[in-house]
Amino acid sequence: MHSASGQLQAMQVPAYLSALTSAQFRALAALTAMLALAQIGQPFPEIAWLHHLPTLLLLLLAPMLLRRWPLSDGAVLAIVLFFALHTLGGRYTYSSVPYDEWARLLTGDTLSDRFGWTRNHYDRIVHFAFGLLFYAPVREIGRRYLGLSRIMAAIVSIGFVLSVGALYELFEGLLTLAVAPELADEYNGQQGDMWDAQKDMGLALAGALISAGWVRWRTP
């Protein structure tokens, strides 16, 4: 049972989970199960922890953070969906996600053959999804807890996407200096594209702008 407000009763779950709505609890539980399944027969164990550590931290901290700063179900689900995409990428490393094999099983054709792709584009999808899915939660935080106007919340949200995207690309650059070249190459997934970082940040910006347009249309 849960209350009319949708919050789980403390008697059913540990106290630190009691602030979650039922939808948020189910979303985080599903992400926990996905993270656990991603470790079974892990094909790239030497770098898997680099990919999955942020998701593990999210799962550990989310109940406490949401208890202190509640968010809407939509905002939490958007964040969880991004981390689900990231967990799938971390399972195989981004450049090895076998979407062509899955497409062949479903349709008898591969996406690479159909669209003439010469690289694995899963990393591009996730960078686009970062901007698309994080814009609204950051905007909600700005409006609800920072008292920002609609325009300033939109500017801050787009700036957040660009800043985090740039910091992540800097992290990947530093990683190449700190670990063995083959390990860095597997993690970064550059796949020989010298403009990989710029394309990734551009796709994140495109996702954020699309989300901004959608939010503006839905909340005039």
Protein backbone atom coordinates (compact mmCIF):
# COMPACT_ATOMS: atom_id res chain seq x y z
CA MET A 1 0.00 0.00 0.00
CA HIS A 2 1.07 3.59 -0.56
CA SER A 3 -0.50 6.89 0.46
CA ALA A 4 -2.63 9.10 -1.76
CA SER A 5 0.44 11.19 -2.48
CA GLY A 6 2.10 8.13 -3.97
CA GLN A 7 4.82 7.80 -1.33
CA LEU A 8 5.80 4.38 -0.09
CA GLN A 9 5.04 3.71 3.54
CA ALA A 10 8.07 3.54 5.82
CA MET A 11 6.78 0.31 7.36
CA GLN A 12 7.14 -1.43 4.00
CA VAL A 13 10.64 -0.30 3.07
CA PRO A 14 13.70 1.11 4.86
CA ALA A 15 13.26 4.66 6.08
CA TYR A 16 15.67 6.13 3.54
CA LEU A 17 13.44 4.79 0.73
CA SER A 18 10.19 6.08 2.19
CA ALA A 19 10.33 9.42 0.33
CA LEU A 20 10.25 7.71 -3.06
CA THR A 21 7.00 7.48 -4.96
CA SER A 22 6.03 4.04 -6.17
CA ALA A 23 7.04 4.95 -9.74
CA GLN A 24 10.46 6.16 -8.59
CA PHE A 25 10.98 3.07 -6.45
CA ARG A 26 10.17 0.77 -9.38
CA ALA A 27 12.42 2.72 -11.74
CA LEU A 28 15.40 2.57 -9.38
CA ALA A 29 14.74 -1.12 -8.66
CA ALA A 30 14.68 -1.86 -12.39
CA LEU A 31 17.96 0.00 -12.87
CA THR A 32 19.49 -1.95 -9.97
CA ALA A 33 18.45 -5.23 -11.60
CA MET A 34 19.84 -4.08 -14.95
CA LEU A 35 23.16 -3.13 -13.38
CA ALA A 36 23.40 -6.54 -11.71
CA LEU A 37 22.54 -8.40 -14.93
CA ALA A 38 25.16 -6.39 -16.82
CA GLN A 39 27.86 -8.02 -14.69
CA ILE A 40 26.94 -11.59 -15.63
CA GLY A 41 29.52 -12.90 -18.06
CA GLN A 42 30.94 -9.38 -18.35
CA PRO A 43 32.95 -9.35 -21.64
CA PHE A 44 35.13 -6.39 -20.66
CA PRO A 45 35.76 -6.75 -16.93
CA GLU A 46 38.93 -4.64 -16.96
CA ILE A 47 37.02 -1.45 -17.79
CA ALA A 48 33.48 -2.31 -16.71
CA TRP A 49 33.91 -0.66 -13.32
CA LEU A 50 34.76 2.67 -14.99
CA HIS A 51 31.42 2.63 -16.78
CA HIS A 52 29.27 1.28 -13.96
CA LEU A 53 30.63 3.22 -10.98
CA PRO A 54 28.49 6.35 -11.71
CA THR A 55 25.35 4.22 -11.92
CA LEU A 56 26.15 2.51 -8.63
CA LEU A 57 26.69 5.88 -6.96
CA LEU A 58 23.36 7.11 -8.33
CA LEU A 59 21.53 4.10 -6.91
CA LEU A 60 23.15 4.54 -3.51
CA LEU A 61 22.61 8.29 -3.25
CA ALA A 62 19.29 8.81 -5.07
CA PRO A 63 16.98 7.85 -2.17
CA MET A 64 18.76 10.21 0.23
CA LEU A 65 18.93 13.05 -2.30
CA LEU A 66 15.28 12.66 -3.26
CA ARG A 67 14.28 12.65 0.38
CA ARG A 68 16.04 16.00 0.83
CA TRP A 69 15.15 17.44 -2.59
CA PRO A 70 12.11 15.66 -4.09
CA LEU A 71 11.64 15.63 -7.85
CA SER A 72 8.71 14.73 -10.06
CA ASP A 73 8.32 11.18 -11.35
CA GLY A 74 9.02 12.40 -14.87
CA ALA A 75 12.34 13.95 -13.87
CA VAL A 76 13.49 10.83 -12.02
CA LEU A 77 12.38 8.52 -14.82
CA ALA A 78 14.30 10.62 -17.36
CA ILE A 79 17.50 10.32 -15.31
CA VAL A 80 16.99 6.58 -14.78
CA LEU A 81 16.39 6.05 -18.50
CA PHE A 82 19.67 7.77 -19.33
CA PHE A 83 21.55 5.61 -16.84
CA ALA A 84 19.86 2.51 -18.27
CA LEU A 85 21.25 3.42 -21.71
CA HIS A 86 24.62 4.06 -20.10
CA THR A 87 24.52 0.70 -18.30
CA LEU A 88 23.88 -1.09 -21.58
CA GLY A 89 26.80 0.75 -23.12
CA GLY A 90 28.99 -0.13 -20.16
CA ARG A 91 28.10 -3.79 -20.50
CA TYR A 92 29.71 -4.05 -23.93
CA THR A 93 31.76 -0.84 -23.98
CA TYR A 94 30.10 1.73 -26.15
CA SER A 95 31.90 0.85 -29.35
CA SER A 96 30.96 -2.85 -29.09
CA VAL A 97 27.20 -2.72 -28.36
CA PRO A 98 25.88 -5.38 -30.78
CA TYR A 99 22.87 -3.49 -32.10
CA ASP A 100 23.57 -4.78 -35.62
CA GLU A 101 23.20 -8.36 -34.40
CA TRP A 102 19.96 -7.50 -32.63
CA ALA A 103 18.62 -5.75 -35.75
CA ARG A 104 19.54 -8.74 -37.92
CA LEU A 105 17.63 -11.08 -35.60
CA LEU A 106 14.55 -8.84 -35.74
CA THR A 107 14.57 -7.71 -39.36
CA GLY A 108 17.16 -9.79 -41.21
CA ASP A 109 19.16 -6.62 -41.90
CA THR A 110 21.68 -4.53 -39.96
CA LEU A 111 21.42 -0.85 -39.20
CA SER A 112 24.95 -0.32 -40.52
CA ASP A 113 24.05 -1.83 -43.88
CA ARG A 114 20.77 0.05 -44.07
CA PHE A 115 22.24 3.46 -43.28
CA GLY A 116 25.78 2.98 -44.58
CA TRP A 117 27.40 3.34 -41.18
CA THR A 118 31.11 2.53 -40.87
CA ARG A 119 31.36 2.78 -37.07
CA ASN A 120 29.33 1.80 -34.03
CA HIS A 121 27.07 4.76 -33.23
CA TYR A 122 25.77 3.70 -29.83
CA ASP A 123 27.92 6.31 -28.10
CA ARG A 124 26.38 8.99 -30.30
CA ILE A 125 22.91 7.84 -29.25
CA VAL A 126 23.78 8.12 -25.56
CA HIS A 127 25.35 11.56 -25.89
CA PHE A 128 22.20 12.76 -27.67
CA ALA A 129 20.08 11.11 -24.97
CA PHE A 130 22.06 12.92 -22.26
CA GLY A 131 20.95 16.30 -23.56
CA LEU A 132 17.45 15.09 -24.33
CA LEU A 133 16.84 13.47 -20.93
CA PHE A 134 18.74 15.74 -18.54
CA TYR A 135 17.39 19.09 -19.73
CA ALA A 136 14.00 18.74 -18.00
CA PRO A 137 15.28 17.46 -14.61
CA VAL A 138 17.88 20.24 -14.40
CA ARG A 139 15.24 22.79 -15.40
CA GLU A 140 12.94 21.45 -12.68
CA ILE A 141 15.70 21.80 -10.08
CA GLY A 142 16.38 25.35 -11.21
CA ARG A 143 12.73 26.32 -11.03
CA ARG A 144 11.86 24.49 -7.82
CA TYR A 145 14.95 24.95 -5.65
CA LEU A 146 16.88 27.88 -7.12
CA GLY A 147 13.91 30.10 -7.92
CA LEU A 148 15.01 30.66 -11.51
CA SER A 149 12.73 32.20 -14.10
CA ARG A 150 11.71 30.07 -17.06
CA ILE A 151 14.28 31.70 -19.33
CA MET A 152 17.11 31.44 -16.81
CA ALA A 153 16.20 27.82 -16.00
CA ALA A 154 16.37 27.01 -19.72
CA ILE A 155 19.76 28.74 -20.10
CA VAL A 156 21.16 27.00 -17.01
CA SER A 157 19.87 23.60 -18.19
CA ILE A 158 21.47 23.93 -21.61
CA GLY A 159 24.65 25.23 -19.98
CA PHE A 160 24.65 22.21 -17.67
CA VAL A 161 24.45 19.81 -20.61
CA LEU A 162 27.29 21.59 -22.43
CA SER A 163 29.45 21.86 -19.30
CA VAL A 164 29.07 18.24 -18.23
CA GLY A 165 29.64 17.10 -21.81
CA ALA A 166 32.85 19.13 -22.02
CA LEU A 167 34.06 17.90 -18.62
CA TYR A 168 33.43 14.31 -19.68
CA GLU A 169 35.46 14.79 -22.84
CA LEU A 170 38.27 16.30 -20.74
CA PHE A 171 38.08 13.26 -18.45
CA GLU A 172 38.43 10.97 -21.45
CA GLY A 173 41.46 12.99 -22.58
CA LEU A 174 43.10 12.70 -19.17
CA LEU A 175 42.32 8.99 -19.11
CA THR A 176 44.44 8.47 -22.19
CA LEU A 177 47.40 9.86 -20.25
CA ALA A 178 46.83 7.80 -17.11
CA VAL A 179 46.15 4.26 -18.38
CA ALA A 180 47.41 1.91 -21.05
CA PRO A 181 46.56 3.13 -24.58
CA GLU A 182 44.46 0.07 -25.44
CA LEU A 183 42.42 0.47 -22.24
CA ALA A 184 41.79 4.16 -22.92
CA ASP A 185 40.80 3.41 -26.51
CA GLU A 186 38.30 0.76 -25.39
CA TYR A 187 36.76 3.11 -22.83
CA ASN A 188 36.68 6.26 -24.96
CA GLY A 189 35.33 4.57 -28.07
CA GLN A 190 36.75 7.21 -30.40
CA GLN A 191 36.97 4.65 -33.20
CA GLY A 192 39.47 6.67 -35.18
CA ASP A 193 37.31 9.82 -35.44
CA MET A 194 39.41 12.90 -34.67
CA TRP A 195 36.22 14.96 -34.23
CA ASP A 196 34.60 12.50 -31.85
CA ALA A 197 34.54 14.89 -28.87
CA GLN A 198 33.03 17.75 -30.86
CA LYS A 199 30.35 15.51 -32.38
CA ASP A 200 29.46 14.11 -28.97
CA MET A 201 29.02 17.57 -27.46
CA GLY A 202 27.09 18.74 -30.51
CA LEU A 203 24.65 15.84 -30.21
CA ALA A 204 24.16 16.52 -26.50
CA LEU A 205 23.36 20.16 -27.35
CA ALA A 206 20.93 19.05 -30.05
CA GLY A 207 19.16 16.78 -27.56
CA ALA A 208 18.90 19.59 -25.02
CA LEU A 209 17.48 22.01 -27.59
CA ILE A 210 14.86 19.50 -28.70
CA SER A 211 13.89 18.89 -25.08
CA ALA A 212 13.76 22.65 -24.47
CA GLY A 213 11.38 23.06 -27.39
CA TRP A 214 9.21 20.23 -26.13
CA VAL A 215 9.07 21.59 -22.58
CA ARG A 216 8.29 25.09 -23.89
CA TRP A 217 5.45 23.72 -26.02
CA ARG A 218 4.05 21.68 -23.12
CA THR A 219 4.34 24.48 -20.57
CA PRO A 220 3.64 27.79 -22.37
